[in-house]
C-alpha atoms as a PDB file:
ATOM      1  CA  HIS A   1     -55.515 -34.757  41.504  1.00  0.00           C
ATOM      2  CA  ILE A   2     -58.546 -33.920  43.631  1.00  0.00           C
ATOM      3  CA  TYR A   3     -58.417 -31.210  46.293  1.00  0.00           C
ATOM      4  CA  CYS A   4     -61.199 -31.604  48.803  1.00  0.00           C
ATOM      5  CA  PRO A   5     -62.127 -30.796  52.417  1.00  0.00           C
ATOM      6  CA  GLU A   6     -61.425 -33.511  54.934  1.00  0.00           C
ATOM      7  CA  SER A   7     -65.175 -33.774  55.577  1.00  0.00           C
ATOM      8  CA  GLY A   8     -65.720 -34.868  51.959  1.00  0.00           C
ATOM      9  CA  LEU A   9     -62.741 -37.185  51.705  1.00  0.00           C
ATOM     10  CA  GLN A  10     -64.537 -40.463  52.317  1.00  0.00           C
ATOM     11  CA  ASP A  11     -67.261 -39.710  49.764  1.00  0.00           C
ATOM     12  CA  GLU A  12     -64.628 -38.854  47.151  1.00  0.00           C
ATOM     13  CA  LEU A  13     -62.763 -42.074  47.840  1.00  0.00           C
ATOM     14  CA  LYS A  14     -65.932 -44.143  47.540  1.00  0.00           C
ATOM     15  CA  SER A  15     -66.758 -42.478  44.231  1.00  0.00           C
ATOM     16  CA  ILE A  16     -63.268 -43.140  42.885  1.00  0.00           C
ATOM     17  CA  LEU A  17     -63.352 -46.810  43.895  1.00  0.00           C
ATOM     18  CA  SER A  18     -66.734 -47.181  42.227  1.00  0.00           C
ATOM     19  CA  MET A  19     -65.299 -45.674  39.031  1.00  0.00           C
ATOM     20  CA  TYR A  20     -62.320 -48.038  39.123  1.00  0.00           C
ATOM     21  CA  LYS A  21     -64.541 -51.093  39.493  1.00  0.00           C
ATOM     22  CA  GLU A  22     -66.658 -49.881  36.566  1.00  0.00           C
ATOM     23  CA  PHE A  23     -63.498 -49.684  34.440  1.00  0.00           C
ATOM     24  CA  TYR A  24     -62.522 -53.229  35.365  1.00  0.00           C
ATOM     25  CA  THR A  25     -65.980 -54.503  34.475  1.00  0.00           C
ATOM     26  CA  LYS A  26     -65.863 -52.776  31.078  1.00  0.00           C
ATOM     27  CA  PHE A  27     -62.468 -54.310  30.312  1.00  0.00           C
ATOM     28  CA  LYS A  28     -63.464 -57.733  31.720  1.00  0.00           C
ATOM     29  CA  LEU A  29     -60.571 -57.606  34.174  1.00  0.00           C
ATOM     30  CA  ASN A  30     -61.062 -59.834  37.186  1.00  0.00           C
ATOM     31  CA  ASN A  31     -57.732 -61.205  38.422  1.00  0.00           C
ATOM     32  CA  TYR A  32     -56.971 -58.487  40.974  1.00  0.00           C
ATOM     33  CA  TYR A  33     -57.133 -57.613  44.657  1.00  0.00           C
ATOM     34  CA  PHE A  34     -57.019 -54.465  46.797  1.00  0.00           C
ATOM     35  CA  ARG A  35     -54.051 -53.619  48.978  1.00  0.00           C
ATOM     36  CA  LEU A  36     -53.978 -50.984  51.712  1.00  0.00           C
ATOM     37  CA  SER A  37     -50.407 -49.737  51.518  1.00  0.00           C
ATOM     38  CA  ILE A  38     -49.204 -48.229  54.804  1.00  0.00           C
ATOM     39  CA  ARG A  39     -45.924 -47.066  56.361  1.00  0.00           C
ATOM     40  CA  GLY A  40     -45.131 -50.027  58.533  1.00  0.00           C
ATOM     41  CA  LYS A  41     -42.355 -50.038  61.105  1.00  0.00           C
ATOM     42  CA  GLU A  42     -39.359 -50.696  58.890  1.00  0.00           C
ATOM     43  CA  ASN A  43     -37.640 -47.919  56.925  1.00  0.00           C
ATOM     44  CA  SER A  44     -39.863 -45.342  58.602  1.00  0.00           C
ATOM     45  CA  ALA A  45     -37.313 -42.612  57.849  1.00  0.00           C
ATOM     46  CA  LYS A  46     -38.320 -42.547  54.189  1.00  0.00           C
ATOM     47  CA  PHE A  47     -41.852 -41.361  55.057  1.00  0.00           C
ATOM     48  CA  ILE A  48     -42.389 -37.657  55.668  1.00  0.00           C
ATOM     49  CA  GLY A  49     -44.877 -35.797  57.830  1.00  0.00           C
ATOM     50  CA  ASP A  50     -46.667 -35.981  61.147  1.00  0.00           C
ATOM     51  CA  SER A  51     -47.437 -39.473  62.487  1.00  0.00           C
ATOM     52  CA  ASN A  52     -50.914 -38.411  63.592  1.00  0.00           C
ATOM     53  CA  LEU A  53     -51.798 -37.397  60.031  1.00  0.00           C
ATOM     54  CA  TRP A  54     -50.489 -40.725  58.758  1.00  0.00           C
ATOM     55  CA  GLU A  55     -52.622 -42.643  61.229  1.00  0.00           C
ATOM     56  CA  LYS A  56     -55.655 -40.551  60.314  1.00  0.00           C
ATOM     57  CA  ALA A  57     -55.150 -41.142  56.596  1.00  0.00           C
ATOM     58  CA  GLU A  58     -54.606 -44.874  57.045  1.00  0.00           C
ATOM     59  CA  LYS A  59     -57.755 -45.149  59.163  1.00  0.00           C
ATOM     60  CA  ILE A  60     -59.850 -43.240  56.590  1.00  0.00           C
ATOM     61  CA  LEU A  61     -58.735 -45.547  53.775  1.00  0.00           C
ATOM     62  CA  ALA A  62     -59.421 -48.646  55.869  1.00  0.00           C
ATOM     63  CA  ASP A  63     -62.857 -47.320  56.883  1.00  0.00           C
ATOM     64  CA  VAL A  64     -63.789 -46.727  53.225  1.00  0.00           C
ATOM     65  CA  LEU A  65     -62.757 -50.234  52.200  1.00  0.00           C
ATOM     66  CA  ASN A  66     -64.625 -51.751  55.146  1.00  0.00           C
ATOM     67  CA  THR A  67     -67.751 -49.667  54.473  1.00  0.00           C
ATOM     68  CA  LEU A  68     -67.784 -50.823  50.848  1.00  0.00           C
ATOM     69  CA  LYS A  69     -67.157 -54.413  52.008  1.00  0.00           C
ATOM     70  CA  ILE A  70     -64.084 -54.656  49.785  1.00  0.00           C
ATOM     71  CA  PRO A  71     -61.648 -57.343  50.983  1.00  0.00           C
ATOM     72  CA  TYR A  72     -58.076 -56.128  51.132  1.00  0.00           C
ATOM     73  CA  GLU A  73     -54.590 -57.015  52.241  1.00  0.00           C
ATOM     74  CA  ILE A  74     -52.159 -54.849  54.186  1.00  0.00           C
ATOM     75  CA  GLY A  75     -48.935 -53.836  52.453  1.00  0.00           C
ATOM     76  CA  GLU A  76     -46.538 -52.670  55.145  1.00  0.00           C
ATOM     77  CA  GLY A  77     -43.892 -50.290  53.854  1.00  0.00           C
ATOM     78  CA  GLU A  78     -45.674 -49.953  50.466  1.00  0.00           C
ATOM     79  CA  ALA A  79     -47.067 -46.455  51.073  1.00  0.00           C
ATOM     80  CA  ALA A  80     -45.964 -43.429  49.053  1.00  0.00           C
ATOM     81  CA  PHE A  81     -43.418 -41.310  50.927  1.00  0.00           C
ATOM     82  CA  TYR A  82     -46.088 -38.676  51.635  1.00  0.00           C
ATOM     83  CA  GLY A  83     -49.100 -40.824  52.489  1.00  0.00           C
ATOM     84  CA  PRO A  84     -50.897 -44.180  52.484  1.00  0.00           C
ATOM     85  CA  LYS A  85     -52.711 -45.500  49.456  1.00  0.00           C
ATOM     86  CA  ILE A  86     -55.026 -48.133  48.063  1.00  0.00           C
ATOM     87  CA  ASP A  87     -53.290 -50.126  45.347  1.00  0.00           C
ATOM     88  CA  ILE A  88     -55.147 -52.430  42.996  1.00  0.00           C
ATOM     89  CA  GLN A  89     -52.852 -55.341  42.272  1.00  0.00           C
ATOM     90  CA  PHE A  90     -53.216 -57.384  39.091  1.00  0.00           C
ATOM     91  CA  LYS A  91     -51.506 -60.541  37.946  1.00  0.00           C
ATOM     92  CA  ASN A  92     -50.356 -60.710  34.357  1.00  0.00           C
ATOM     93  CA  LEU A  93     -50.350 -63.840  32.213  1.00  0.00           C
ATOM     94  CA  LEU A  94     -46.996 -64.888  33.644  1.00  0.00           C
ATOM     95  CA  GLY A  95     -48.331 -64.639  37.190  1.00  0.00           C
ATOM     96  CA  ARG A  96     -46.246 -61.574  37.976  1.00  0.00           C
ATOM     97  CA  GLU A  97     -47.980 -59.025  40.208  1.00  0.00           C
ATOM     98  CA  GLU A  98     -48.119 -55.346  39.309  1.00  0.00           C
ATOM     99  CA  THR A  99     -50.001 -52.254  40.424  1.00  0.00           C
ATOM    100  CA  VAL A 100     -52.448 -51.093  37.753  1.00  0.00           C
ATOM    101  CA  SER A 101     -54.460 -48.518  39.709  1.00  0.00           C
ATOM    102  CA  THR A 102     -53.825 -46.488  42.832  1.00  0.00           C
ATOM    103  CA  ILE A 103     -55.505 -43.960  45.128  1.00  0.00           C
ATOM    104  CA  GLN A 104     -53.227 -41.979  47.417  1.00  0.00           C
ATOM    105  CA  VAL A 105     -54.265 -39.734  50.300  1.00  0.00           C
ATOM    106  CA  ASP A 106     -51.945 -36.786  50.906  1.00  0.00           C
ATOM    107  CA  PHE A 107     -52.258 -34.577  53.985  1.00  0.00           C
ATOM    108  CA  GLN A 108     -48.693 -33.320  53.505  1.00  0.00           C
ATOM    109  CA  ALA A 109     -49.044 -31.301  50.273  1.00  0.00           C
ATOM    110  CA  ALA A 110     -51.248 -28.611  51.829  1.00  0.00           C
ATOM    111  CA  ILE A 111     -48.650 -28.102  54.555  1.00  0.00           C
ATOM    112  CA  LYS A 112     -45.609 -28.200  52.295  1.00  0.00           C
ATOM    113  CA  PHE A 113     -47.050 -25.835  49.676  1.00  0.00           C
ATOM    114  CA  ASP A 114     -49.066 -23.702  52.101  1.00  0.00           C
ATOM    115  CA  LEU A 115     -52.392 -24.521  50.423  1.00  0.00           C
ATOM    116  CA  SER A 116     -55.688 -23.363  51.844  1.00  0.00           C
ATOM    117  CA  TYR A 117     -59.267 -22.602  50.890  1.00  0.00           C
ATOM    118  CA  ILE A 118     -62.031 -20.595  52.518  1.00  0.00           C
ATOM    119  CA  ALA A 119     -64.483 -22.993  54.154  1.00  0.00           C
ATOM    120  CA  GLU A 120     -68.205 -22.466  54.674  1.00  0.00           C
ATOM    121  CA  ASN A 121     -67.540 -20.887  58.061  1.00  0.00           C
ATOM    122  CA  GLY A 122     -65.404 -18.224  56.392  1.00  0.00           C
ATOM    123  CA  GLU A 123     -62.125 -19.504  57.801  1.00  0.00           C
ATOM    124  CA  ALA A 124     -59.049 -20.738  55.942  1.00  0.00           C
ATOM    125  CA  SER A 125     -58.734 -24.534  55.958  1.00  0.00           C
ATOM    126  CA  LYS A 126     -56.212 -27.039  54.635  1.00  0.00           C
ATOM    127  CA  PRO A 127     -57.429 -29.279  51.771  1.00  0.00           C
ATOM    128  CA  VAL A 128     -56.607 -32.948  51.435  1.00  0.00           C
ATOM    129  CA  VAL A 129     -55.065 -34.015  48.131  1.00  0.00           C
ATOM    130  CA  ILE A 130     -56.072 -37.277  46.460  1.00  0.00           C
ATOM    131  CA  HIS A 131     -53.612 -38.601  43.899  1.00  0.00           C
ATOM    132  CA  ARG A 132     -55.367 -41.065  41.615  1.00  0.00           C
ATOM    133  CA  ALA A 133     -54.316 -43.177  38.649  1.00  0.00           C
ATOM    134  CA  PRO A 134     -57.388 -45.088  37.438  1.00  0.00           C
ATOM    135  CA  LEU A 135     -55.581 -47.006  34.707  1.00  0.00           C
ATOM    136  CA  SER A 136     -51.943 -46.542  35.634  1.00  0.00           C
ATOM    137  CA  THR A 137     -50.002 -44.507  33.092  1.00  0.00           C
ATOM    138  CA  HIS A 138     -51.574 -44.834  29.656  1.00  0.00           C
ATOM    139  CA  GLU A 139     -48.579 -46.560  28.090  1.00  0.00           C
ATOM    140  CA  ARG A 140     -48.341 -49.072  30.969  1.00  0.00           C
ATOM    141  CA  PHE A 141     -52.034 -49.852  30.744  1.00  0.00           C
ATOM    142  CA  ILE A 142     -51.857 -50.357  26.977  1.00  0.00           C
ATOM    143  CA  SER A 143     -48.939 -52.729  27.546  1.00  0.00           C
ATOM    144  CA  PHE A 144     -50.948 -54.554  30.225  1.00  0.00           C
ATOM    145  CA  ILE A 145     -54.085 -55.056  28.125  1.00  0.00           C
ATOM    146  CA  LEU A 146     -52.074 -56.040  25.043  1.00  0.00           C
ATOM    147  CA  GLU A 147     -50.692 -58.890  27.096  1.00  0.00           C
ATOM    148  CA  TYR A 148     -54.018 -59.583  28.851  1.00  0.00           C
ATOM    149  CA  TYR A 149     -55.968 -59.950  25.589  1.00  0.00           C
ATOM    150  CA  GLY A 150     -53.067 -61.473  23.693  1.00  0.00           C
ATOM    151  CA  GLY A 151     -53.616 -58.750  21.093  1.00  0.00           C
ATOM    152  CA  ALA A 152     -57.124 -60.038  20.309  1.00  0.00           C
ATOM    153  CA  PHE A 153     -59.107 -56.965  21.315  1.00  0.00           C
ATOM    154  CA  PRO A 154     -62.898 -56.853  21.376  1.00  0.00           C
ATOM    155  CA  VAL A 155     -64.408 -54.827  18.541  1.00  0.00           C
ATOM    156  CA  TRP A 156     -64.958 -51.638  20.551  1.00  0.00           C
ATOM    157  CA  LEU A 157     -61.335 -51.567  21.714  1.00  0.00           C
ATOM    158  CA  ALA A 158     -59.472 -52.712  18.606  1.00  0.00           C
ATOM    159  CA  PRO A 159     -57.258 -50.181  16.785  1.00  0.00           C
ATOM    160  CA  VAL A 160     -58.644 -51.540  13.499  1.00  0.00           C
ATOM    161  CA  GLN A 161     -62.182 -52.758  13.986  1.00  0.00           C
ATOM    162  CA  VAL A 162     -63.039 -53.847  10.439  1.00  0.00           C
ATOM    163  CA  MET A 163     -60.855 -55.009   7.559  1.00  0.00           C
ATOM    164  CA  LEU A 164     -62.481 -55.196   4.132  1.00  0.00           C
ATOM    165  CA  VAL A 165     -61.051 -57.884   1.862  1.00  0.00           C
ATOM    166  CA  PRO A 166     -62.108 -57.874  -1.807  1.00  0.00           C
ATOM    167  CA  VAL A 167     -62.198 -61.274  -3.495  1.00  0.00           C
ATOM    168  CA  ASN A 168     -60.130 -59.696  -6.286  1.00  0.00           C
ATOM    169  CA  ALA A 169     -59.052 -56.244  -7.386  1.00  0.00           C
ATOM    170  CA  VAL A 170     -62.257 -55.676  -9.376  1.00  0.00           C
ATOM    171  CA  PHE A 171     -64.044 -55.060  -6.056  1.00  0.00           C
ATOM    172  CA  ASN A 172     -61.468 -52.695  -4.547  1.00  0.00           C
ATOM    173  CA  GLU A 173     -63.466 -49.560  -5.255  1.00  0.00           C
ATOM    174  CA  HIS A 174     -66.629 -51.045  -3.761  1.00  0.00           C
ATOM    175  CA  CYS A 175     -64.715 -51.967  -0.599  1.00  0.00           C
ATOM    176  CA  LEU A 176     -63.187 -48.514  -0.389  1.00  0.00           C
ATOM    177  CA  ALA A 177     -66.661 -46.993  -0.644  1.00  0.00           C
ATOM    178  CA  ILE A 178     -67.849 -49.160   2.265  1.00  0.00           C
ATOM    179  CA  GLU A 179     -64.722 -48.245   4.223  1.00  0.00           C
ATOM    180  CA  LYS A 180     -65.505 -44.551   3.742  1.00  0.00           C
ATOM    181  CA  GLU A 181     -69.079 -45.129   4.928  1.00  0.00           C
ATOM    182  CA  LEU A 182     -67.831 -46.929   8.038  1.00  0.00           C
ATOM    183  CA  ARG A 183     -65.227 -44.262   8.778  1.00  0.00           C
ATOM    184  CA  ASN A 184     -67.876 -41.569   8.545  1.00  0.00           C
ATOM    185  CA  LEU A 185     -69.601 -43.418  11.396  1.00  0.00           C
ATOM    186  CA  PHE A 186     -66.307 -43.482  13.366  1.00  0.00           C
ATOM    187  CA  ILE A 187     -65.828 -47.209  12.786  1.00  0.00           C
ATOM    188  CA  ARG A 188     -62.087 -47.773  12.437  1.00  0.00           C
ATOM    189  CA  SER A 189     -61.792 -49.516   9.082  1.00  0.00           C
ATOM    190  CA  GLU A 190     -59.260 -50.396   6.407  1.00  0.00           C
ATOM    191  CA  THR A 191     -59.317 -52.101   3.021  1.00  0.00           C
ATOM    192  CA  ASP A 192     -56.674 -54.619   2.023  1.00  0.00           C
ATOM    193  CA  VAL A 193     -55.780 -53.529  -1.505  1.00  0.00           C
ATOM    194  CA  SER A 194     -52.388 -55.235  -1.443  1.00  0.00           C
ATOM    195  CA  ASP A 195     -51.172 -57.443  -4.286  1.00  0.00           C
ATOM    196  CA  ASN A 196     -51.469 -60.528  -2.085  1.00  0.00           C
ATOM    197  CA  SER A 197     -53.771 -63.355  -3.092  1.00  0.00           C
ATOM    198  CA  PHE A 198     -57.210 -63.481  -1.496  1.00  0.00           C
ATOM    199  CA  ASN A 199     -56.224 -66.378   0.772  1.00  0.00           C
ATOM    200  CA  LYS A 200     -53.051 -64.615   1.877  1.00  0.00           C
ATOM    201  CA  LYS A 201     -55.044 -61.460   2.679  1.00  0.00           C
ATOM    202  CA  ILE A 202     -57.322 -63.508   4.927  1.00  0.00           C
ATOM    203  CA  ARG A 203     -54.361 -65.210   6.639  1.00  0.00           C
ATOM    204  CA  THR A 204     -52.533 -61.917   7.119  1.00  0.00           C
ATOM    205  CA  ASN A 205     -55.486 -60.160   8.736  1.00  0.00           C
ATOM    206  CA  VAL A 206     -56.349 -63.152  10.899  1.00  0.00           C
ATOM    207  CA  THR A 207     -52.730 -63.098  12.097  1.00  0.00           C
ATOM    208  CA  ARG A 208     -53.142 -59.389  12.868  1.00  0.00           C
ATOM    209  CA  LYS A 209     -56.141 -60.413  14.995  1.00  0.00           C
ATOM    210  CA  ILE A 210     -58.499 -57.958  13.332  1.00  0.00           C
ATOM    211  CA  PRO A 211     -61.829 -58.648  15.082  1.00  0.00           C
ATOM    212  CA  ILE A 212     -63.979 -58.445  11.938  1.00  0.00           C
ATOM    213  CA  ILE A 213     -63.063 -59.204   8.333  1.00  0.00           C
ATOM    214  CA  LEU A 214     -65.611 -58.308   5.668  1.00  0.00           C
ATOM    215  CA  ILE A 215     -65.332 -60.307   2.456  1.00  0.00           C
ATOM    216  CA  VAL A 216     -66.723 -58.683  -0.660  1.00  0.00           C
ATOM    217  CA  GLY A 217     -67.188 -60.390  -4.019  1.00  0.00           C
ATOM    218  CA  ASN A 218     -69.674 -60.363  -6.865  1.00  0.00           C
ATOM    219  CA  ASN A 219     -72.631 -61.749  -4.876  1.00  0.00           C
ATOM    220  CA  GLU A 220     -72.072 -59.229  -2.075  1.00  0.00           C
ATOM    221  CA  VAL A 221     -71.934 -56.330  -4.534  1.00  0.00           C
ATOM    222  CA  GLN A 222     -75.076 -57.470  -6.373  1.00  0.00           C
ATOM    223  CA  ASN A 223     -77.083 -57.990  -3.162  1.00  0.00           C
ATOM    224  CA  ASN A 224     -75.689 -55.079  -1.108  1.00  0.00           C
ATOM    225  CA  GLU A 225     -74.294 -57.593   1.387  1.00  0.00           C
ATOM    226  CA  VAL A 226     -71.060 -58.388   3.193  1.00  0.00           C
ATOM    227  CA  THR A 227     -69.711 -61.728   4.349  1.00  0.00           C
ATOM    228  CA  VAL A 228     -68.672 -61.384   7.972  1.00  0.00           C
ATOM    229  CA  ARG A 229     -65.772 -63.351   9.432  1.00  0.00           C
ATOM    230  CA  ARG A 230     -64.998 -62.812  13.120  1.00  0.00           C
ATOM    231  CA  TYR A 231     -61.655 -63.482  14.744  1.00  0.00           C
ATOM    232  CA  GLY A 232     -61.516 -66.854  16.497  1.00  0.00           C
ATOM    233  CA  LYS A 233     -64.522 -68.252  14.628  1.00  0.00           C
ATOM    234  CA  THR A 234     -64.524 -70.464  11.561  1.00  0.00           C
ATOM    235  CA  GLU A 235     -68.083 -69.837  10.395  1.00  0.00           C
ATOM    236  CA  GLN A 236     -68.892 -66.911   8.137  1.00  0.00           C
ATOM    237  CA  THR A 237     -72.185 -65.031   7.973  1.00  0.00           C
ATOM    238  CA  LYS A 238     -73.781 -63.117   5.128  1.00  0.00           C
ATOM    239  CA  MET A 239     -75.507 -59.904   6.179  1.00  0.00           C
ATOM    240  CA  LYS A 240     -77.071 -56.936   4.490  1.00  0.00           C
ATOM    241  CA  LYS A 241     -74.554 -54.120   4.702  1.00  0.00           C
ATOM    242  CA  ASP A 242     -76.908 -51.846   6.622  1.00  0.00           C
ATOM    243  CA  ASP A 243     -77.709 -54.624   9.106  1.00  0.00           C
ATOM    244  CA  PHE A 244     -74.008 -55.196   9.689  1.00  0.00           C
ATOM    245  CA  ILE A 245     -73.452 -51.499  10.320  1.00  0.00           C
ATOM    246  CA  LYS A 246     -76.276 -51.415  12.860  1.00  0.00           C
ATOM    247  CA  THR A 247     -74.890 -54.521  14.582  1.00  0.00           C
ATOM    248  CA  ILE A 248     -71.348 -53.224  14.912  1.00  0.00           C
ATOM    249  CA  LEU A 249     -72.494 -49.803  16.082  1.00  0.00           C
ATOM    250  CA  ASP A 250     -74.496 -51.497  18.844  1.00  0.00           C
ATOM    251  CA  GLU A 251     -71.484 -53.628  19.820  1.00  0.00           C
ATOM    252  CA  ILE A 252     -69.275 -50.571  20.043  1.00  0.00           C
ATOM    253  CA  LYS A 253     -71.836 -48.527  21.960  1.00  0.00           C
ATOM    254  CA  ASN A 254     -72.450 -51.314  24.486  1.00  0.00           C
ATOM    255  CA  ARG A 255     -68.764 -52.325  24.608  1.00  0.00           C
ATOM    256  CA  GLU A 256     -69.605 -55.939  23.935  1.00  0.00           C
ATOM    257  CA  PHE A 257     -67.107 -58.801  23.993  1.00  0.00           C
END
């Protein structure tokens, strides 16, 4: 929640919308639209508070969207019971619409809870409360992006970023040493030391949609290299271990896809 003077409300709303759009760009989300959710005429009894404050809040939200040249639709009757809001509506892979982010303007809370602050003129004033949910609830957003990416996360977002697969058990210790080095750099890594065959290890970790599989055998150990296999690609690339580490750190830092 943000508590702010009415005079600073529009600037706060603009800043929040800018932050939301930055999030969507980082996650490569683009199938969405903005909805100005207002009271409407039907079921007006479910909305609390003074009508003048509602009209003021609705006008402020509309002015912000218009100033930022953000196209939007009107959602009559979709407001929260205490105030209007901007909802960002996404469509999932099945075409079903859901609200992922929201910004709600609340003039009622300061009245209901007798909130005030001392303004610059030395007098007590009522703050405006902004309720914001940039990425919905965390568990809902995780569910949304799991579906959106089909489980194939980019490297920077993947729960396991690198899986090391030794050609055979002789190279387990070498892989575990690389894993430790990667973990020390906060690269989320694991080593497949299961009893599965090499081919089954590759199939299993491709099925898990691990973004990067590192294959390590005799040549890699002798030359301080790794063979890099990326999810969704058939070609494999040999790289010096240190070059690979630099590459993946850059990808993570820049949140590359």
